[in-house]
Amino acid sequence: MSDANSLDALIQALKRLPGVGIKSAQRMAFHLLQHDRAAAETLARALQAAVSGVKHCERCHTFTENTVCATCLDVRRDTSKLCVVETPADQSALERTGAYRGLYFVLMGKLSPLDGIGPHDIGLKKLFDRAQDGTVQEVILATNFTAEGEATAHVISEALKARGLGVTRLARGVPAGSELEYVDLGTIAHALVDRR
């Protein structure tokens, strides 16, 4: 591979990251090669180690280096609650709040028929089996409030209610510290409907 091809391959690889366009990818590649080759080598090793060592937890499907993740093994967690999220990043955001001490199930996606992503693709059977393990009393749907996230939550909710499980959905509303005149109308409408 020639020098230009190696550089182009690096730029194209960086461009695959979310939110990174061609100019940002070029800037990152040039910076790493010109100013911080040690960081480039560290990044390459870290990526290789993650790709070869990180897999899915057998219980909740999040990322882990072990068969079962630390959250699922934590005996201090409330096993009667199971929070369903779309991605490990969503799980991490919920964990950072410190407000939830139950267990998780990570879908690794959302239903999107237009993209050919159906129930089998996001592991709904595994979720339903997990939710019916005899200890789960409440399933908390924490999918995103996008059209696909709402559709995913609806399908899961209907299926779990039919199995006799308690299902709740994250509340939506006006963000703390915001002024109503600057909040989008959909958020205000949902806040009115979900008021307590």
C-alpha atoms as a PDB file:
ATOM      1  CA  MET A   1       0.000   0.000   0.000  1.00  0.00           C
ATOM      2  CA  SER A   2       1.464   3.367  -0.956  1.00  0.00           C
ATOM      3  CA  ASP A   3       1.749   6.324   1.418  1.00  0.00           C
ATOM      4  CA  ALA A   4      -1.230   8.072  -0.151  1.00  0.00           C
ATOM      5  CA  ASN A   5      -3.326   4.912   0.076  1.00  0.00           C
ATOM      6  CA  SER A   6      -2.446   4.418   3.770  1.00  0.00           C
ATOM      7  CA  LEU A   7      -3.380   8.003   4.535  1.00  0.00           C
ATOM      8  CA  ASP A   8      -6.595   7.746   2.511  1.00  0.00           C
ATOM      9  CA  ALA A   9      -7.485   4.501   4.290  1.00  0.00           C
ATOM     10  CA  LEU A  10      -6.974   6.198   7.676  1.00  0.00           C
ATOM     11  CA  ILE A  11      -9.126   9.169   6.653  1.00  0.00           C
ATOM     12  CA  GLN A  12     -11.872   6.887   5.332  1.00  0.00           C
ATOM     13  CA  ALA A  13     -11.777   4.831   8.563  1.00  0.00           C
ATOM     14  CA  LEU A  14     -12.072   7.968  10.728  1.00  0.00           C
ATOM     15  CA  LYS A  15     -14.892   9.254   8.533  1.00  0.00           C
ATOM     16  CA  ARG A  16     -16.988   6.212   9.527  1.00  0.00           C
ATOM     17  CA  LEU A  17     -17.311   7.580  13.070  1.00  0.00           C
ATOM     18  CA  PRO A  18     -20.641   9.295  13.810  1.00  0.00           C
ATOM     19  CA  GLY A  19     -20.602  13.038  13.191  1.00  0.00           C
ATOM     20  CA  VAL A  20     -17.219  12.964  11.446  1.00  0.00           C
ATOM     21  CA  GLY A  21     -17.091  14.311   7.916  1.00  0.00           C
ATOM     22  CA  ILE A  22     -14.224  14.298   5.479  1.00  0.00           C
ATOM     23  CA  LYS A  23     -12.632  17.517   6.786  1.00  0.00           C
ATOM     24  CA  SER A  24     -12.755  16.395  10.419  1.00  0.00           C
ATOM     25  CA  ALA A  25     -11.348  13.000   9.460  1.00  0.00           C
ATOM     26  CA  GLN A  26      -8.496  14.658   7.564  1.00  0.00           C
ATOM     27  CA  ARG A  27      -7.779  16.987  10.490  1.00  0.00           C
ATOM     28  CA  MET A  28      -7.640  14.045  12.920  1.00  0.00           C
ATOM     29  CA  ALA A  29      -5.443  11.952  10.635  1.00  0.00           C
ATOM     30  CA  PHE A  30      -3.014  14.793   9.972  1.00  0.00           C
ATOM     31  CA  HIS A  31      -2.858  15.679  13.675  1.00  0.00           C
ATOM     32  CA  LEU A  32      -2.133  12.102  14.746  1.00  0.00           C
ATOM     33  CA  LEU A  33       0.513  11.578  12.093  1.00  0.00           C
ATOM     34  CA  GLN A  34       2.147  14.991  12.393  1.00  0.00           C
ATOM     35  CA  HIS A  35       1.945  15.790  16.096  1.00  0.00           C
ATOM     36  CA  ASP A  36       1.100  12.701  18.116  1.00  0.00           C
ATOM     37  CA  ARG A  37       2.212   9.387  16.656  1.00  0.00           C
ATOM     38  CA  ALA A  38       2.347   7.893  20.161  1.00  0.00           C
ATOM     39  CA  ALA A  39      -1.349   8.660  20.596  1.00  0.00           C
ATOM     40  CA  ALA A  40      -2.053   7.111  17.177  1.00  0.00           C
ATOM     41  CA  GLU A  41      -0.312   3.890  18.247  1.00  0.00           C
ATOM     42  CA  THR A  42      -2.174   3.907  21.594  1.00  0.00           C
ATOM     43  CA  LEU A  43      -5.464   4.405  19.744  1.00  0.00           C
ATOM     44  CA  ALA A  44      -4.678   1.563  17.343  1.00  0.00           C
ATOM     45  CA  ARG A  45      -3.832  -0.821  20.216  1.00  0.00           C
ATOM     46  CA  ALA A  46      -6.931   0.186  22.195  1.00  0.00           C
ATOM     47  CA  LEU A  47      -9.189  -0.347  19.168  1.00  0.00           C
ATOM     48  CA  GLN A  48      -7.631  -3.736  18.441  1.00  0.00           C
ATOM     49  CA  ALA A  49      -7.989  -4.840  22.082  1.00  0.00           C
ATOM     50  CA  ALA A  50     -11.626  -3.699  22.232  1.00  0.00           C
ATOM     51  CA  VAL A  51     -12.555  -5.362  18.949  1.00  0.00           C
ATOM     52  CA  SER A  52     -10.993  -8.669  20.005  1.00  0.00           C
ATOM     53  CA  GLY A  53     -11.939  -8.608  23.711  1.00  0.00           C
ATOM     54  CA  VAL A  54     -15.342  -6.954  24.058  1.00  0.00           C
ATOM     55  CA  LYS A  55     -18.442  -9.089  23.561  1.00  0.00           C
ATOM     56  CA  HIS A  56     -22.088  -9.121  24.636  1.00  0.00           C
ATOM     57  CA  CYS A  57     -23.215  -9.994  28.164  1.00  0.00           C
ATOM     58  CA  GLU A  58     -25.198 -13.243  28.115  1.00  0.00           C
ATOM     59  CA  ARG A  59     -27.886 -11.767  30.368  1.00  0.00           C
ATOM     60  CA  CYS A  60     -28.393  -8.142  29.344  1.00  0.00           C
ATOM     61  CA  HIS A  61     -26.596  -7.950  25.980  1.00  0.00           C
ATOM     62  CA  THR A  62     -24.460  -4.901  26.872  1.00  0.00           C
ATOM     63  CA  PHE A  63     -20.722  -4.756  26.157  1.00  0.00           C
ATOM     64  CA  THR A  64     -18.386  -6.628  28.491  1.00  0.00           C
ATOM     65  CA  GLU A  65     -15.110  -8.492  28.450  1.00  0.00           C
ATOM     66  CA  ASN A  66     -16.627 -11.288  30.550  1.00  0.00           C
ATOM     67  CA  THR A  67     -19.437 -13.754  29.957  1.00  0.00           C
ATOM     68  CA  VAL A  68     -21.704 -11.741  32.277  1.00  0.00           C
ATOM     69  CA  CYS A  69     -21.218  -8.006  32.924  1.00  0.00           C
ATOM     70  CA  ALA A  70     -20.507  -6.454  36.324  1.00  0.00           C
ATOM     71  CA  THR A  71     -23.969  -4.865  36.525  1.00  0.00           C
ATOM     72  CA  CYS A  72     -25.736  -8.209  36.109  1.00  0.00           C
ATOM     73  CA  LEU A  73     -23.437  -9.781  38.733  1.00  0.00           C
ATOM     74  CA  ASP A  74     -23.946  -6.976  41.285  1.00  0.00           C
ATOM     75  CA  VAL A  75     -25.980  -8.527  44.142  1.00  0.00           C
ATOM     76  CA  ARG A  76     -26.984  -5.036  45.333  1.00  0.00           C
ATOM     77  CA  ARG A  77     -29.085  -4.456  42.189  1.00  0.00           C
ATOM     78  CA  ASP A  78     -32.881  -4.731  42.337  1.00  0.00           C
ATOM     79  CA  THR A  79     -33.625  -7.843  40.258  1.00  0.00           C
ATOM     80  CA  SER A  80     -37.359  -7.081  40.180  1.00  0.00           C
ATOM     81  CA  LYS A  81     -36.780  -4.147  37.788  1.00  0.00           C
ATOM     82  CA  LEU A  82     -35.556  -4.490  34.209  1.00  0.00           C
ATOM     83  CA  CYS A  83     -34.840  -1.322  32.206  1.00  0.00           C
ATOM     84  CA  VAL A  84     -34.835  -1.712  28.414  1.00  0.00           C
ATOM     85  CA  VAL A  85     -32.524   0.647  26.504  1.00  0.00           C
ATOM     86  CA  GLU A  86     -31.441   0.866  22.880  1.00  0.00           C
ATOM     87  CA  THR A  87     -27.661   1.092  23.316  1.00  0.00           C
ATOM     88  CA  PRO A  88     -24.860   0.714  25.879  1.00  0.00           C
ATOM     89  CA  ALA A  89     -24.484   4.521  25.688  1.00  0.00           C
ATOM     90  CA  ASP A  90     -28.112   4.878  26.863  1.00  0.00           C
ATOM     91  CA  GLN A  91     -27.400   2.443  29.706  1.00  0.00           C
ATOM     92  CA  SER A  92     -24.336   4.451  30.681  1.00  0.00           C
ATOM     93  CA  ALA A  93     -26.361   7.690  30.736  1.00  0.00           C
ATOM     94  CA  LEU A  94     -28.937   6.131  33.071  1.00  0.00           C
ATOM     95  CA  GLU A  95     -26.189   4.761  35.325  1.00  0.00           C
ATOM     96  CA  ARG A  96     -24.552   8.179  35.616  1.00  0.00           C
ATOM     97  CA  THR A  97     -27.742   9.581  37.146  1.00  0.00           C
ATOM     98  CA  GLY A  98     -27.415   7.242  40.129  1.00  0.00           C
ATOM     99  CA  ALA A  99     -31.233   7.135  40.248  1.00  0.00           C
ATOM    100  CA  TYR A 100     -31.711   3.571  38.975  1.00  0.00           C
ATOM    101  CA  ARG A 101     -30.484   0.452  40.794  1.00  0.00           C
ATOM    102  CA  GLY A 102     -32.230  -2.297  38.819  1.00  0.00           C
ATOM    103  CA  LEU A 103     -30.967  -4.410  35.932  1.00  0.00           C
ATOM    104  CA  TYR A 104     -30.890  -3.718  32.182  1.00  0.00           C
ATOM    105  CA  PHE A 105     -31.561  -5.249  28.814  1.00  0.00           C
ATOM    106  CA  VAL A 106     -29.763  -3.561  25.897  1.00  0.00           C
ATOM    107  CA  LEU A 107     -31.475  -4.008  22.536  1.00  0.00           C
ATOM    108  CA  MET A 108     -28.481  -2.858  20.473  1.00  0.00           C
ATOM    109  CA  GLY A 109     -30.888  -1.050  18.185  1.00  0.00           C
ATOM    110  CA  LYS A 110     -34.535  -0.243  17.581  1.00  0.00           C
ATOM    111  CA  LEU A 111     -37.266  -1.436  15.273  1.00  0.00           C
ATOM    112  CA  SER A 112     -36.987   0.242  11.880  1.00  0.00           C
ATOM    113  CA  PRO A 113     -38.939  -1.535   9.132  1.00  0.00           C
ATOM    114  CA  LEU A 114     -37.738   0.967   6.522  1.00  0.00           C
ATOM    115  CA  ASP A 115     -34.158  -0.108   7.287  1.00  0.00           C
ATOM    116  CA  GLY A 116     -35.121  -3.790   7.427  1.00  0.00           C
ATOM    117  CA  ILE A 117     -34.672  -4.034  11.218  1.00  0.00           C
ATOM    118  CA  GLY A 118     -37.352  -6.218  12.761  1.00  0.00           C
ATOM    119  CA  PRO A 119     -37.992  -7.880  16.156  1.00  0.00           C
ATOM    120  CA  HIS A 120     -35.505 -10.696  15.505  1.00  0.00           C
ATOM    121  CA  ASP A 121     -32.711  -8.218  14.707  1.00  0.00           C
ATOM    122  CA  ILE A 122     -32.874  -6.540  18.132  1.00  0.00           C
ATOM    123  CA  GLY A 123     -33.300  -9.727  20.153  1.00  0.00           C
ATOM    124  CA  LEU A 124     -36.871  -9.302  21.375  1.00  0.00           C
ATOM    125  CA  LYS A 125     -37.246 -13.044  22.052  1.00  0.00           C
ATOM    126  CA  LYS A 126     -34.263 -12.907  24.398  1.00  0.00           C
ATOM    127  CA  LEU A 127     -35.771  -9.847  26.110  1.00  0.00           C
ATOM    128  CA  PHE A 128     -39.129 -11.591  26.566  1.00  0.00           C
ATOM    129  CA  ASP A 129     -37.410 -14.685  28.000  1.00  0.00           C
ATOM    130  CA  ARG A 130     -35.407 -12.506  30.385  1.00  0.00           C
ATOM    131  CA  ALA A 131     -38.469 -10.525  31.466  1.00  0.00           C
ATOM    132  CA  GLN A 132     -40.309 -13.773  32.273  1.00  0.00           C
ATOM    133  CA  ASP A 133     -37.538 -15.255  34.427  1.00  0.00           C
ATOM    134  CA  GLY A 134     -39.756 -15.204  37.520  1.00  0.00           C
ATOM    135  CA  THR A 135     -37.975 -12.347  39.314  1.00  0.00           C
ATOM    136  CA  VAL A 136     -38.792  -9.368  37.066  1.00  0.00           C
ATOM    137  CA  GLN A 137     -41.894  -7.511  38.251  1.00  0.00           C
ATOM    138  CA  GLU A 138     -41.554  -4.265  36.271  1.00  0.00           C
ATOM    139  CA  VAL A 139     -40.092  -3.603  32.845  1.00  0.00           C
ATOM    140  CA  ILE A 140     -39.131   0.047  32.340  1.00  0.00           C
ATOM    141  CA  LEU A 141     -39.058   1.074  28.689  1.00  0.00           C
ATOM    142  CA  ALA A 142     -36.298   3.637  28.197  1.00  0.00           C
ATOM    143  CA  THR A 143     -36.067   3.677  24.426  1.00  0.00           C
ATOM    144  CA  ASN A 144     -35.505   7.027  22.768  1.00  0.00           C
ATOM    145  CA  PHE A 145     -38.412   9.343  22.003  1.00  0.00           C
ATOM    146  CA  THR A 146     -37.952   9.052  18.244  1.00  0.00           C
ATOM    147  CA  ALA A 147     -40.501   7.473  15.906  1.00  0.00           C
ATOM    148  CA  GLU A 148     -38.528   4.221  15.893  1.00  0.00           C
ATOM    149  CA  GLY A 149     -37.982   4.303  19.667  1.00  0.00           C
ATOM    150  CA  GLU A 150     -41.686   4.876  20.267  1.00  0.00           C
ATOM    151  CA  ALA A 151     -42.618   2.021  17.908  1.00  0.00           C
ATOM    152  CA  THR A 152     -40.125  -0.251  19.657  1.00  0.00           C
ATOM    153  CA  ALA A 153     -41.529   0.672  23.072  1.00  0.00           C
ATOM    154  CA  HIS A 154     -45.080   0.051  21.854  1.00  0.00           C
ATOM    155  CA  VAL A 155     -44.302  -3.419  20.468  1.00  0.00           C
ATOM    156  CA  ILE A 156     -42.443  -4.423  23.640  1.00  0.00           C
ATOM    157  CA  SER A 157     -45.133  -2.982  25.896  1.00  0.00           C
ATOM    158  CA  GLU A 158     -47.978  -4.818  24.174  1.00  0.00           C
ATOM    159  CA  ALA A 159     -46.099  -8.126  24.150  1.00  0.00           C
ATOM    160  CA  LEU A 160     -45.106  -7.898  27.829  1.00  0.00           C
ATOM    161  CA  LYS A 161     -48.552  -6.783  28.997  1.00  0.00           C
ATOM    162  CA  ALA A 162     -50.010  -9.795  27.187  1.00  0.00           C
ATOM    163  CA  ARG A 163     -47.619 -11.932  29.263  1.00  0.00           C
ATOM    164  CA  GLY A 164     -48.905 -10.334  32.478  1.00  0.00           C
ATOM    165  CA  LEU A 165     -45.865  -8.193  33.279  1.00  0.00           C
ATOM    166  CA  GLY A 166     -45.946  -4.627  34.609  1.00  0.00           C
ATOM    167  CA  VAL A 167     -44.623  -2.187  32.030  1.00  0.00           C
ATOM    168  CA  THR A 168     -43.763   1.494  32.526  1.00  0.00           C
ATOM    169  CA  ARG A 169     -42.268   4.111  30.183  1.00  0.00           C
ATOM    170  CA  LEU A 170     -39.816   6.885  31.009  1.00  0.00           C
ATOM    171  CA  ALA A 171     -41.656  10.147  31.582  1.00  0.00           C
ATOM    172  CA  ARG A 172     -41.202  12.997  29.145  1.00  0.00           C
ATOM    173  CA  GLY A 173     -41.607  16.623  29.812  1.00  0.00           C
ATOM    174  CA  VAL A 174     -40.196  20.090  30.026  1.00  0.00           C
ATOM    175  CA  PRO A 175     -36.494  20.062  30.942  1.00  0.00           C
ATOM    176  CA  ALA A 176     -35.583  21.560  34.318  1.00  0.00           C
ATOM    177  CA  GLY A 177     -34.443  25.157  34.033  1.00  0.00           C
ATOM    178  CA  SER A 178     -36.122  25.776  30.687  1.00  0.00           C
ATOM    179  CA  GLU A 179     -38.603  28.464  29.717  1.00  0.00           C
ATOM    180  CA  LEU A 180     -41.841  27.330  28.077  1.00  0.00           C
ATOM    181  CA  GLU A 181     -41.619  29.762  25.192  1.00  0.00           C
ATOM    182  CA  TYR A 182     -38.400  28.070  24.030  1.00  0.00           C
ATOM    183  CA  VAL A 183     -39.529  24.442  24.461  1.00  0.00           C
ATOM    184  CA  ASP A 184     -40.759  22.633  21.343  1.00  0.00           C
ATOM    185  CA  LEU A 185     -44.515  22.104  21.094  1.00  0.00           C
ATOM    186  CA  GLY A 186     -44.305  18.295  21.083  1.00  0.00           C
ATOM    187  CA  THR A 187     -42.489  18.314  24.419  1.00  0.00           C
ATOM    188  CA  ILE A 188     -45.046  20.686  25.929  1.00  0.00           C
ATOM    189  CA  ALA A 189     -47.911  18.533  24.637  1.00  0.00           C
ATOM    190  CA  HIS A 190     -46.408  15.353  26.120  1.00  0.00           C
ATOM    191  CA  ALA A 191     -45.739  17.154  29.412  1.00  0.00           C
ATOM    192  CA  LEU A 192     -49.397  18.143  29.600  1.00  0.00           C
ATOM    193  CA  VAL A 193     -50.629  14.613  28.840  1.00  0.00           C
ATOM    194  CA  ASP A 194     -48.154  12.992  31.262  1.00  0.00           C
ATOM    195  CA  ARG A 195     -48.631  15.568  34.036  1.00  0.00           C
ATOM    196  CA  ARG A 196     -48.792  14.306  37.624  1.00  0.00           C
END
